[in-house]
Structure formats: C-alpha cells, structure tokens
C-alpha atoms as a PDB file:
ATOM      1  CA  MET A   1     -35.054   9.919  54.812  1.00  0.00           C
ATOM      2  CA  HIS A   2     -32.489  10.921  57.449  1.00  0.00           C
ATOM      3  CA  HIS A   3     -34.938  13.437  58.932  1.00  0.00           C
ATOM      4  CA  VAL A   4     -37.488  10.644  59.505  1.00  0.00           C
ATOM      5  CA  TRP A   5     -34.884   8.440  61.202  1.00  0.00           C
ATOM      6  CA  HIS A   6     -33.595  11.387  63.217  1.00  0.00           C
ATOM      7  CA  THR A   7     -37.111  12.162  64.475  1.00  0.00           C
ATOM      8  CA  VAL A   8     -37.824   8.534  65.419  1.00  0.00           C
ATOM      9  CA  ARG A   9     -34.525   7.933  67.208  1.00  0.00           C
ATOM     10  CA  GLY A  10     -34.115  11.292  68.877  1.00  0.00           C
ATOM     11  CA  PRO A  11     -33.424  12.895  71.208  1.00  0.00           C
ATOM     12  CA  PHE A  12     -29.713  12.036  71.304  1.00  0.00           C
ATOM     13  CA  ARG A  13     -27.498  12.216  74.379  1.00  0.00           C
ATOM     14  CA  ALA A  14     -24.364  13.646  72.701  1.00  0.00           C
ATOM     15  CA  VAL A  15     -23.945  16.699  70.504  1.00  0.00           C
ATOM     16  CA  ALA A  16     -20.894  15.176  68.813  1.00  0.00           C
ATOM     17  CA  CYS A  17     -19.073  11.949  69.471  1.00  0.00           C
ATOM     18  CA  ALA A  18     -15.661  10.687  68.480  1.00  0.00           C
ATOM     19  CA  ASP A  19     -16.705   7.038  68.210  1.00  0.00           C
ATOM     20  CA  HIS A  20     -19.980   6.744  66.349  1.00  0.00           C
ATOM     21  CA  ARG A  21     -22.447   3.972  66.979  1.00  0.00           C
ATOM     22  CA  TRP A  22     -23.943   3.481  63.542  1.00  0.00           C
ATOM     23  CA  GLU A  23     -27.324   2.057  62.685  1.00  0.00           C
ATOM     24  CA  ARG A  24     -28.164   1.391  59.049  1.00  0.00           C
ATOM     25  CA  TYR A  25     -31.629   2.459  58.026  1.00  0.00           C
ATOM     26  CA  ASP A  26     -31.219   2.349  54.240  1.00  0.00           C
ATOM     27  CA  VAL A  27     -29.077   0.561  51.685  1.00  0.00           C
ATOM     28  CA  HIS A  28     -26.443   3.293  51.646  1.00  0.00           C
ATOM     29  CA  ARG A  29     -27.402   5.389  54.717  1.00  0.00           C
ATOM     30  CA  ALA A  30     -26.707   5.046  58.393  1.00  0.00           C
ATOM     31  CA  GLY A  31     -27.169   7.213  61.463  1.00  0.00           C
ATOM     32  CA  CYS A  32     -25.312   7.489  64.750  1.00  0.00           C
ATOM     33  CA  LEU A  33     -27.382   6.481  67.790  1.00  0.00           C
ATOM     34  CA  LEU A  34     -25.282   8.689  70.081  1.00  0.00           C
ATOM     35  CA  CYS A  35     -25.182  12.019  68.232  1.00  0.00           C
ATOM     36  CA  GLY A  36     -27.580  11.572  65.287  1.00  0.00           C
ATOM     37  CA  ALA A  37     -24.889  12.124  62.632  1.00  0.00           C
ATOM     38  CA  CYS A  38     -25.671  10.909  59.116  1.00  0.00           C
ATOM     39  CA  HIS A  39     -23.469   8.743  56.933  1.00  0.00           C
ATOM     40  CA  GLU A  40     -24.379   8.391  53.230  1.00  0.00           C
ATOM     41  CA  CYS A  41     -22.388   6.348  50.704  1.00  0.00           C
ATOM     42  CA  THR A  42     -21.798   7.760  47.246  1.00  0.00           C
ATOM     43  CA  PRO A  43     -22.708   5.596  44.195  1.00  0.00           C
ATOM     44  CA  ASP A  44     -19.032   5.399  43.191  1.00  0.00           C
ATOM     45  CA  THR A  45     -15.657   5.880  44.778  1.00  0.00           C
ATOM     46  CA  VAL A  46     -15.141   9.418  43.440  1.00  0.00           C
ATOM     47  CA  GLY A  47     -15.116  11.813  46.408  1.00  0.00           C
ATOM     48  CA  SER A  48     -16.200   9.099  48.828  1.00  0.00           C
ATOM     49  CA  VAL A  49     -15.364   9.307  52.576  1.00  0.00           C
ATOM     50  CA  CYS A  50     -16.488   5.775  53.383  1.00  0.00           C
ATOM     51  CA  PRO A  51     -14.118   3.407  55.157  1.00  0.00           C
ATOM     52  CA  PHE A  52     -13.769   0.623  52.587  1.00  0.00           C
ATOM     53  CA  ALA A  53     -12.884  -3.036  52.995  1.00  0.00           C
ATOM     54  CA  GLN A  54     -11.577  -5.313  50.247  1.00  0.00           C
ATOM     55  CA  LEU A  55     -13.700  -8.382  49.450  1.00  0.00           C
ATOM     56  CA  ASP A  56     -12.554 -11.743  48.137  1.00  0.00           C
ATOM     57  CA  ASP A  57     -13.933 -11.138  44.639  1.00  0.00           C
ATOM     58  CA  GLY A  58     -11.916  -7.949  44.243  1.00  0.00           C
ATOM     59  CA  SER A  59     -14.759  -5.532  44.957  1.00  0.00           C
ATOM     60  CA  ILE A  60     -14.961  -3.136  47.918  1.00  0.00           C
ATOM     61  CA  CYS A  61     -17.687  -2.303  50.411  1.00  0.00           C
ATOM     62  CA  CYS A  62     -18.338   0.287  53.091  1.00  0.00           C
ATOM     63  CA  THR A  63     -17.707  -1.045  56.588  1.00  0.00           C
ATOM     64  CA  ILE A  64     -20.590   1.053  57.969  1.00  0.00           C
ATOM     65  CA  THR A  65     -23.441   0.196  55.587  1.00  0.00           C
ATOM     66  CA  ALA A  66     -21.924  -2.787  53.678  1.00  0.00           C
ATOM     67  CA  PHE A  67     -22.773  -0.861  50.486  1.00  0.00           C
ATOM     68  CA  SER A  68     -20.589  -1.861  47.508  1.00  0.00           C
ATOM     69  CA  PRO A  69     -20.062   1.091  45.144  1.00  0.00           C
ATOM     70  CA  ALA A  70     -19.084   0.745  41.480  1.00  0.00           C
ATOM     71  CA  VAL A  71     -15.339   0.740  40.897  1.00  0.00           C
ATOM     72  CA  VAL A  72     -13.824   1.843  37.584  1.00  0.00           C
ATOM     73  CA  ARG A  73     -10.292   0.607  37.147  1.00  0.00           C
ATOM     74  CA  TYR A  74      -7.986   2.211  34.589  1.00  0.00           C
ATOM     75  CA  SER A  75      -4.946   0.515  33.169  1.00  0.00           C
ATOM     76  CA  LYS A  76      -1.835   2.601  32.781  1.00  0.00           C
ATOM     77  CA  HIS A  77      -1.176   0.869  29.451  1.00  0.00           C
ATOM     78  CA  GLU A  78      -4.756   0.186  28.440  1.00  0.00           C
ATOM     79  CA  TYR A  79      -4.081   0.260  24.691  1.00  0.00           C
ATOM     80  CA  THR A  80      -0.375  -0.317  24.257  1.00  0.00           C
ATOM     81  CA  ASP A  81      -0.352  -3.653  26.103  1.00  0.00           C
ATOM     82  CA  THR A  82      -2.955  -5.476  24.031  1.00  0.00           C
ATOM     83  CA  ALA A  83      -3.709  -3.413  20.931  1.00  0.00           C
ATOM     84  CA  ALA A  84      -1.500  -3.552  17.867  1.00  0.00           C
ATOM     85  CA  PRO A  85      -0.378  -0.187  16.496  1.00  0.00           C
ATOM     86  CA  PRO A  86      -2.475   1.043  13.559  1.00  0.00           C
ATOM     87  CA  GLU A  87      -1.124   0.313  10.101  1.00  0.00           C
ATOM     88  CA  ASN A  88       0.572   3.291   8.533  1.00  0.00           C
ATOM     89  CA  ARG A  89      -0.852   3.108   5.038  1.00  0.00           C
ATOM     90  CA  ALA A  90       0.912   6.236   3.851  1.00  0.00           C
ATOM     91  CA  GLN A  91       4.291   4.832   4.885  1.00  0.00           C
ATOM     92  CA  LYS A  92       3.451   1.461   3.328  1.00  0.00           C
ATOM     93  CA  ARG A  93       2.519   3.094   0.029  1.00  0.00           C
ATOM     94  CA  HIS A  94       5.672   5.207   0.111  1.00  0.00           C
ATOM     95  CA  ASP A  95       7.792   2.085   0.592  1.00  0.00           C
ATOM     96  CA  LEU A  96       6.000   0.384  -2.312  1.00  0.00           C
ATOM     97  CA  PHE A  97       6.624   3.410  -4.536  1.00  0.00           C
ATOM     98  CA  ASP A  98      10.336   3.372  -3.671  1.00  0.00           C
ATOM     99  CA  GLU A  99      10.568  -0.306  -4.586  1.00  0.00           C
ATOM    100  CA  VAL A 100       8.655   0.138  -7.842  1.00  0.00           C
ATOM    101  CA  HIS A 101      10.638   3.254  -8.749  1.00  0.00           C
ATOM    102  CA  GLY A 102      13.935   1.451  -8.191  1.00  0.00           C
ATOM    103  CA  THR A 103      12.845  -1.447 -10.421  1.00  0.00           C
ATOM    104  CA  VAL A 104      11.672   0.912 -13.187  1.00  0.00           C
ATOM    105  CA  GLU A 105      14.935   2.859 -13.187  1.00  0.00           C
ATOM    106  CA  TRP A 106      16.954  -0.367 -13.228  1.00  0.00           C
ATOM    107  CA  PHE A 107      14.972  -1.741 -16.167  1.00  0.00           C
ATOM    108  CA  LEU A 108      14.936   1.459 -18.246  1.00  0.00           C
ATOM    109  CA  MET A 109      18.185   3.197 -17.291  1.00  0.00           C
ATOM    110  CA  GLY A 110      20.475   0.541 -15.810  1.00  0.00           C
ATOM    111  CA  ASP A 111      23.656  -0.895 -17.276  1.00  0.00           C
ATOM    112  CA  VAL A 112      21.847  -3.990 -18.530  1.00  0.00           C
ATOM    113  CA  ALA A 113      19.276  -1.843 -20.341  1.00  0.00           C
ATOM    114  CA  ARG A 114      21.984   0.244 -22.009  1.00  0.00           C
ATOM    115  CA  ALA A 115      23.860  -2.869 -23.116  1.00  0.00           C
ATOM    116  CA  CYS A 116      20.662  -4.342 -24.515  1.00  0.00           C
ATOM    117  CA  LYS A 117      19.806  -1.207 -26.491  1.00  0.00           C
ATOM    118  CA  THR A 118      23.374  -0.892 -27.770  1.00  0.00           C
ATOM    119  CA  GLU A 119      23.362  -4.443 -29.106  1.00  0.00           C
ATOM    120  CA  GLU A 120      19.927  -3.941 -30.649  1.00  0.00           C
ATOM    121  CA  ALA A 121      21.134  -0.815 -32.447  1.00  0.00           C
ATOM    122  CA  GLU A 122      24.279  -2.604 -33.659  1.00  0.00           C
ATOM    123  CA  ARG A 123      22.209  -5.498 -35.020  1.00  0.00           C
ATOM    124  CA  THR A 124      19.932  -3.055 -36.832  1.00  0.00           C
ATOM    125  CA  LEU A 125      22.907  -1.262 -38.363  1.00  0.00           C
ATOM    126  CA  GLN A 126      24.462  -4.558 -39.420  1.00  0.00           C
ATOM    127  CA  ARG A 127      21.253  -5.655 -41.129  1.00  0.00           C
ATOM    128  CA  CYS A 128      20.930  -2.295 -42.836  1.00  0.00           C
ATOM    129  CA  ALA A 129      24.519  -2.456 -44.085  1.00  0.00           C
ATOM    130  CA  THR A 130      24.079  -5.996 -45.389  1.00  0.00           C
ATOM    131  CA  LEU A 131      20.840  -5.168 -47.188  1.00  0.00           C
ATOM    132  CA  LEU A 132      22.309  -1.931 -48.564  1.00  0.00           C
ATOM    133  CA  VAL A 133      25.228  -3.726 -50.179  1.00  0.00           C
ATOM    134  CA  LYS A 134      22.906  -6.407 -51.522  1.00  0.00           C
ATOM    135  CA  THR A 135      20.497  -3.806 -52.964  1.00  0.00           C
ATOM    136  CA  LEU A 136      23.308  -1.801 -54.586  1.00  0.00           C
ATOM    137  CA  LYS A 137      24.699  -4.931 -56.226  1.00  0.00           C
ATOM    138  CA  GLN A 138      21.262  -5.854 -57.493  1.00  0.00           C
ATOM    139  CA  GLN A 139      20.799  -2.366 -58.981  1.00  0.00           C
ATOM    140  CA  LYS A 140      24.154  -2.640 -60.709  1.00  0.00           C
ATOM    141  CA  VAL A 141      23.291  -6.038 -62.157  1.00  0.00           C
ATOM    142  CA  ASP A 142      19.870  -4.831 -63.318  1.00  0.00           C
ATOM    143  CA  SER A 143      21.320  -1.723 -65.013  1.00  0.00           C
ATOM    144  CA  ALA A 144      23.995  -3.794 -66.756  1.00  0.00           C
ATOM    145  CA  GLY A 145      21.383  -6.230 -68.041  1.00  0.00           C
ATOM    146  CA  ASP A 146      19.354  -3.360 -69.504  1.00  0.00           C
ATOM    147  CA  GLY A 147      22.422  -2.105 -71.331  1.00  0.00           C
ATOM    148  CA  VAL A 148      22.334   1.238 -69.579  1.00  0.00           C
ATOM    149  CA  GLY A 149      25.377   0.709 -67.357  1.00  0.00           C
ATOM    150  CA  CYS A 150      24.624   3.497 -64.870  1.00  0.00           C
ATOM    151  CA  LEU A 151      25.796   3.576 -61.274  1.00  0.00           C
ATOM    152  CA  PRO A 152      23.353   2.360 -58.597  1.00  0.00           C
ATOM    153  CA  CYS A 153      21.407   5.057 -56.711  1.00  0.00           C
ATOM    154  CA  LEU A 154      22.273   5.173 -53.039  1.00  0.00           C
ATOM    155  CA  LEU A 155      19.137   7.113 -52.024  1.00  0.00           C
ATOM    156  CA  THR A 156      16.874   4.610 -53.783  1.00  0.00           C
ATOM    157  CA  ALA A 157      18.635   1.721 -52.045  1.00  0.00           C
ATOM    158  CA  LEU A 158      18.348   3.403 -48.617  1.00  0.00           C
ATOM    159  CA  ALA A 159      14.669   4.093 -49.110  1.00  0.00           C
ATOM    160  CA  ARG A 160      14.044   0.493 -50.128  1.00  0.00           C
ATOM    161  CA  ILE A 161      15.833  -1.109 -47.176  1.00  0.00           C
ATOM    162  CA  THR A 162      14.297   1.372 -44.716  1.00  0.00           C
ATOM    163  CA  HIS A 163      10.841   0.430 -45.939  1.00  0.00           C
ATOM    164  CA  GLN A 164      11.748  -3.247 -45.833  1.00  0.00           C
ATOM    165  CA  LEU A 165      13.288  -3.303 -42.346  1.00  0.00           C
ATOM    166  CA  SER A 166      11.213  -0.589 -40.617  1.00  0.00           C
ATOM    167  CA  PRO A 167      13.899  -0.149 -37.923  1.00  0.00           C
ATOM    168  CA  ARG A 168      12.568   0.754 -34.491  1.00  0.00           C
ATOM    169  CA  PRO A 169      14.006   4.019 -33.148  1.00  0.00           C
ATOM    170  CA  THR A 170      15.310   3.950 -29.593  1.00  0.00           C
ATOM    171  CA  LEU A 171      15.258   6.774 -27.074  1.00  0.00           C
ATOM    172  CA  ALA A 172      17.003   7.017 -23.724  1.00  0.00           C
ATOM    173  CA  ALA A 173      14.639   6.980 -20.772  1.00  0.00           C
ATOM    174  CA  THR A 174      14.613   9.945 -18.398  1.00  0.00           C
ATOM    175  CA  HIS A 175      14.165  10.187 -14.644  1.00  0.00           C
ATOM    176  CA  GLU A 176      10.869  12.028 -15.195  1.00  0.00           C
ATOM    177  CA  LEU A 177       9.573   9.106 -17.276  1.00  0.00           C
ATOM    178  CA  CYS A 178      10.625   6.588 -14.613  1.00  0.00           C
ATOM    179  CA  GLU A 179       8.951   8.567 -11.850  1.00  0.00           C
ATOM    180  CA  PHE A 180       5.729   8.951 -13.860  1.00  0.00           C
ATOM    181  CA  CYS A 181       5.534   5.235 -14.623  1.00  0.00           C
ATOM    182  CA  ALA A 182       6.382   4.233 -11.047  1.00  0.00           C
ATOM    183  CA  ARG A 183       3.691   6.510  -9.637  1.00  0.00           C
ATOM    184  CA  HIS A 184       0.952   5.043 -11.846  1.00  0.00           C
ATOM    185  CA  ILE A 185       2.116   1.453 -11.333  1.00  0.00           C
ATOM    186  CA  THR A 186       2.051   1.960  -7.562  1.00  0.00           C
ATOM    187  CA  LYS A 187      -1.435   3.452  -7.774  1.00  0.00           C
ATOM    188  CA  CYS A 188      -2.640   0.475  -9.827  1.00  0.00           C
ATOM    189  CA  LEU A 189      -1.162  -2.071  -7.413  1.00  0.00           C
ATOM    190  CA  VAL A 190      -2.635  -0.325  -4.369  1.00  0.00           C
ATOM    191  CA  SER A 191      -6.074   0.084  -5.990  1.00  0.00           C
ATOM    192  CA  LEU A 192      -6.279  -3.603  -6.880  1.00  0.00           C
ATOM    193  CA  GLY A 193      -4.697  -4.780  -3.632  1.00  0.00           C
ATOM    194  CA  ILE A 194      -1.825  -6.551  -5.392  1.00  0.00           C
ATOM    195  CA  GLY A 195       1.331  -7.037  -3.373  1.00  0.00           C
ATOM    196  CA  LEU A 196       4.763  -7.572  -4.833  1.00  0.00           C
ATOM    197  CA  ALA A 197       5.588 -11.197  -4.095  1.00  0.00           C
ATOM    198  CA  GLN A 198       9.228 -11.986  -3.419  1.00  0.00           C
ATOM    199  CA  ASN A 199       9.563 -14.160  -6.530  1.00  0.00           C
ATOM    200  CA  ARG A 200       7.596 -11.834  -8.842  1.00  0.00           C
ATOM    201  CA  ARG A 201       8.623  -8.350  -7.805  1.00  0.00           C
ATOM    202  CA  VAL A 202      10.600  -7.515 -10.929  1.00  0.00           C
ATOM    203  CA  SER A 203       8.424  -9.408 -13.404  1.00  0.00           C
ATOM    204  CA  THR A 204       5.215  -7.734 -12.181  1.00  0.00           C
ATOM    205  CA  VAL A 205       6.632  -4.221 -12.499  1.00  0.00           C
ATOM    206  CA  VAL A 206       8.222  -4.973 -15.891  1.00  0.00           C
ATOM    207  CA  GLY A 207       4.993  -6.527 -17.153  1.00  0.00           C
ATOM    208  CA  LEU A 208       3.060  -3.403 -16.152  1.00  0.00           C
ATOM    209  CA  LEU A 209       5.625  -1.261 -17.970  1.00  0.00           C
ATOM    210  CA  TYR A 210       4.993  -3.134 -21.215  1.00  0.00           C
ATOM    211  CA  LEU A 211       1.240  -2.810 -20.668  1.00  0.00           C
ATOM    212  CA  MET A 212       1.681   0.959 -20.384  1.00  0.00           C
ATOM    213  CA  LYS A 213       2.820   1.129 -24.003  1.00  0.00           C
ATOM    214  CA  GLN A 214      -0.827   0.803 -25.038  1.00  0.00           C
ATOM    215  CA  GLY A 215      -2.416   1.557 -21.668  1.00  0.00           C
ATOM    216  CA  LEU A 216      -4.691  -0.708 -19.656  1.00  0.00           C
ATOM    217  CA  VAL A 217      -8.440  -0.071 -19.814  1.00  0.00           C
ATOM    218  CA  ILE A 218     -10.773  -2.657 -18.276  1.00  0.00           C
ATOM    219  CA  GLN A 219     -14.546  -2.180 -18.068  1.00  0.00           C
ATOM    220  CA  ASN A 220     -14.301   1.463 -19.125  1.00  0.00           C
ATOM    221  CA  ALA A 221     -11.862   2.167 -16.279  1.00  0.00           C
ATOM    222  CA  GLN A 222      -8.312   3.217 -17.053  1.00  0.00           C
ATOM    223  CA  TRP A 223      -5.973   1.410 -14.693  1.00  0.00           C
ATOM    224  CA  LEU A 224      -2.766   2.386 -16.508  1.00  0.00           C
ATOM    225  CA  PRO A 225      -2.257   5.367 -18.843  1.00  0.00           C
ATOM    226  CA  ARG A 226      -0.825   5.060 -22.335  1.00  0.00           C
ATOM    227  CA  VAL A 227       2.780   6.265 -22.475  1.00  0.00           C
ATOM    228  CA  SER A 228       4.005   6.549 -26.046  1.00  0.00           C
ATOM    229  CA  ALA A 229       7.590   7.235 -24.958  1.00  0.00           C
ATOM    230  CA  LEU A 230       7.829   3.643 -23.673  1.00  0.00           C
ATOM    231  CA  VAL A 231       7.483   2.368 -27.242  1.00  0.00           C
ATOM    232  CA  TYR A 232      10.981   3.719 -27.936  1.00  0.00           C
ATOM    233  CA  SER A 233      12.470   3.325 -24.449  1.00  0.00           C
ATOM    234  CA  LEU A 234      11.601  -0.270 -23.538  1.00  0.00           C
ATOM    235  CA  PRO A 235      13.947  -3.041 -24.629  1.00  0.00           C
ATOM    236  CA  HIS A 236      12.595  -5.475 -27.174  1.00  0.00           C
ATOM    237  CA  GLU A 237      10.721  -8.373 -25.602  1.00  0.00           C
ATOM    238  CA  THR A 238      13.054 -10.883 -27.236  1.00  0.00           C
ATOM    239  CA  CYS A 239      15.902  -9.506 -25.080  1.00  0.00           C
ATOM    240  CA  LEU A 240      14.187 -10.196 -21.755  1.00  0.00           C
ATOM    241  CA  GLU A 241      15.404 -13.732 -21.303  1.00  0.00           C
ATOM    242  CA  LYS A 242      18.963 -13.115 -22.520  1.00  0.00           C
ATOM    243  CA  TYR A 243      19.750  -9.892 -20.667  1.00  0.00           C
ATOM    244  CA  PHE A 244      17.299  -9.626 -17.786  1.00  0.00           C
ATOM    245  CA  LYS A 245      16.717 -13.355 -17.070  1.00  0.00           C
ATOM    246  CA  LEU A 246      12.971 -12.798 -17.367  1.00  0.00           C
ATOM    247  CA  SER A 247      10.364 -14.825 -19.189  1.00  0.00           C
ATOM    248  CA  MET A 248       9.056 -13.394 -22.457  1.00  0.00           C
ATOM    249  CA  LYS A 249       5.561 -14.434 -21.307  1.00  0.00           C
ATOM    250  CA  LEU A 250       5.551 -12.025 -18.366  1.00  0.00           C
ATOM    251  CA  VAL A 251       3.429  -9.443 -20.204  1.00  0.00           C
ATOM    252  CA  CYS A 252       0.616 -11.955 -20.725  1.00  0.00           C
ATOM    253  CA  GLU A 253       1.021 -13.317 -17.178  1.00  0.00           C
ATOM    254  CA  THR A 254       0.864  -9.824 -15.670  1.00  0.00           C
ATOM    255  CA  GLU A 255      -2.231  -8.915 -17.655  1.00  0.00           C
ATOM    256  CA  ASN A 256      -3.958 -12.111 -16.481  1.00  0.00           C
ATOM    257  CA  GLU A 257      -2.977 -11.314 -12.877  1.00  0.00           C
ATOM    258  CA  ILE A 258      -4.444  -7.807 -13.167  1.00  0.00           C
ATOM    259  CA  LYS A 259      -7.717  -9.137 -14.589  1.00  0.00           C
ATOM    260  CA  LEU A 260      -7.945 -11.790 -11.859  1.00  0.00           C
ATOM    261  CA  ALA A 261      -7.379  -9.199  -9.123  1.00  0.00           C
ATOM    262  CA  LEU A 262     -10.023  -6.967 -10.703  1.00  0.00           C
ATOM    263  CA  ARG A 263     -12.596  -9.787 -10.775  1.00  0.00           C
ATOM    264  CA  GLN A 264     -11.911 -10.560  -7.111  1.00  0.00           C
ATOM    265  CA  LYS A 265     -12.283  -6.877  -6.217  1.00  0.00           C
ATOM    266  CA  ILE A 266     -15.633  -6.662  -8.027  1.00  0.00           C
ATOM    267  CA  HIS A 267     -16.800  -9.891  -6.385  1.00  0.00           C
ATOM    268  CA  LYS A 268     -16.077  -8.467  -2.913  1.00  0.00           C
ATOM    269  CA  LEU A 269     -18.098  -5.382  -3.697  1.00  0.00           C
END
C-alpha cells in the first residue's frame, strides 16, 4: 500500500526531513509529502511509536492518522479490591472438629460427667444393698417356716438381685474414644451441611453421641458408626436434665434433624 502511494506522490524534494508533512492514505497509514516517509499505527499500544492524544471518552487516538488503537487497562488490585477471598473449607472443617471434640470431651470426661456416673453407681449400690437385705430376710423366713432353720445363702441372694436389677456397668471414657466420635460426628455434619447453631451446639453433638450407641443407617448409607463402648460410657438419659441442663428429648430431636437434612440433600440432587 505504501509503495503505491510512494509511486503516485513521488518524486520527493527531501531525503529526510525533521518536520514531516503527513498525508493519510489509509485508516492507520500516512506518508510524508516532503520525504516520503511512512507512518503506520499498530493495532494496540504495545510497542507503538504514535503520538497519542487523550479523547473525552477516555480513549486515545494517533494525532497523525486519527486511528484509535485498542487499550487494555490493568488494575493493580484487580482481584483484591472487589473479589472476596475464597472460603477455606479445610480450616472451617478443622474449627468445627475442634468445637465438636471439645463438647464430646466435656460430656464424656468432664467433672459433670464424673459426678453423674458416681451418683448413678452409688444409687445402684444402694438398691443392691437394700434388695440383698430384703432377700436374705425372706430366705430366713422361708427356711424357718419349712422347719429347716438353715442360714440364708448369700450367693443365691446375690444372683437373684443381680438378675432382677440388671445393673448397667460403667466405663470411663478415653481420649481415643472422644477423638473417634468427634471425627465421625464432624464428618456427618459436614456431609449433610448441618451447622452448629448457637442455641443447639451442645444438644446436637450430645444427640449424635447417643445415636452412635446403635449407629445411624439411613437408606443403606451409614452416617454414624456403631460404638459399643458408648453404651457403658454415656450417662443415663434421665440424668441429662438434672446434671447437664439438657432436654431428655434431644436424641429424638437430633434424629429428626438428621433425617430432615438428608431429605433436603436428596431433594437438591
């Protein structure tokens, strides 16, 4: 294109001139009428030698050809100014585990739990002692009525009251048990998208602990494993309101909450 213009306009009077006299012959090309020099605008501002002028709309144009190249503007804080930082799910899950683990240890190994288990054991012993004395007296009366007059049998009385009372053995919870339960409870809460509300943090975790005695299987999916050690480590449900200020209905309420969250999860899918 420049060769055609150069042929039409030539010959030129100057070999080189300091002050060009430009004539535009294309959208982005111009030639000097004095020396025949060529000026060509680049499609963008990268490596451009054009003398630019700022327009009212914020764009720029070449003062020789009036060509307006594309301008790419970069913000120094392109993402930090307007975009929120990504959610750290690993940190969020770790924080949830710490909260659940603290609640589990408080409920299974805290001072309130020890006091509850101590009183439960004392009540069991008191009932056993009362029934033992009553059984021994009854054996003595029965033997005297038969005319035998033998002493009552202590082993027979103990076997009878043990069968009658069926006392529940208690075991002290361990840190390994608390960590295992907290890990599976956290996994269940995260999988179902259940958050620990401020007013139900303790009750939700405690309810899931009681559900872990038998395990939680819904629609052939195991959401909580069965932990037989909890049968002997958890306080009796009748002690919840007296010692822990928790409702005795929390197990049923927690199970209903789990099933509701599961139905909502399936509905979204």
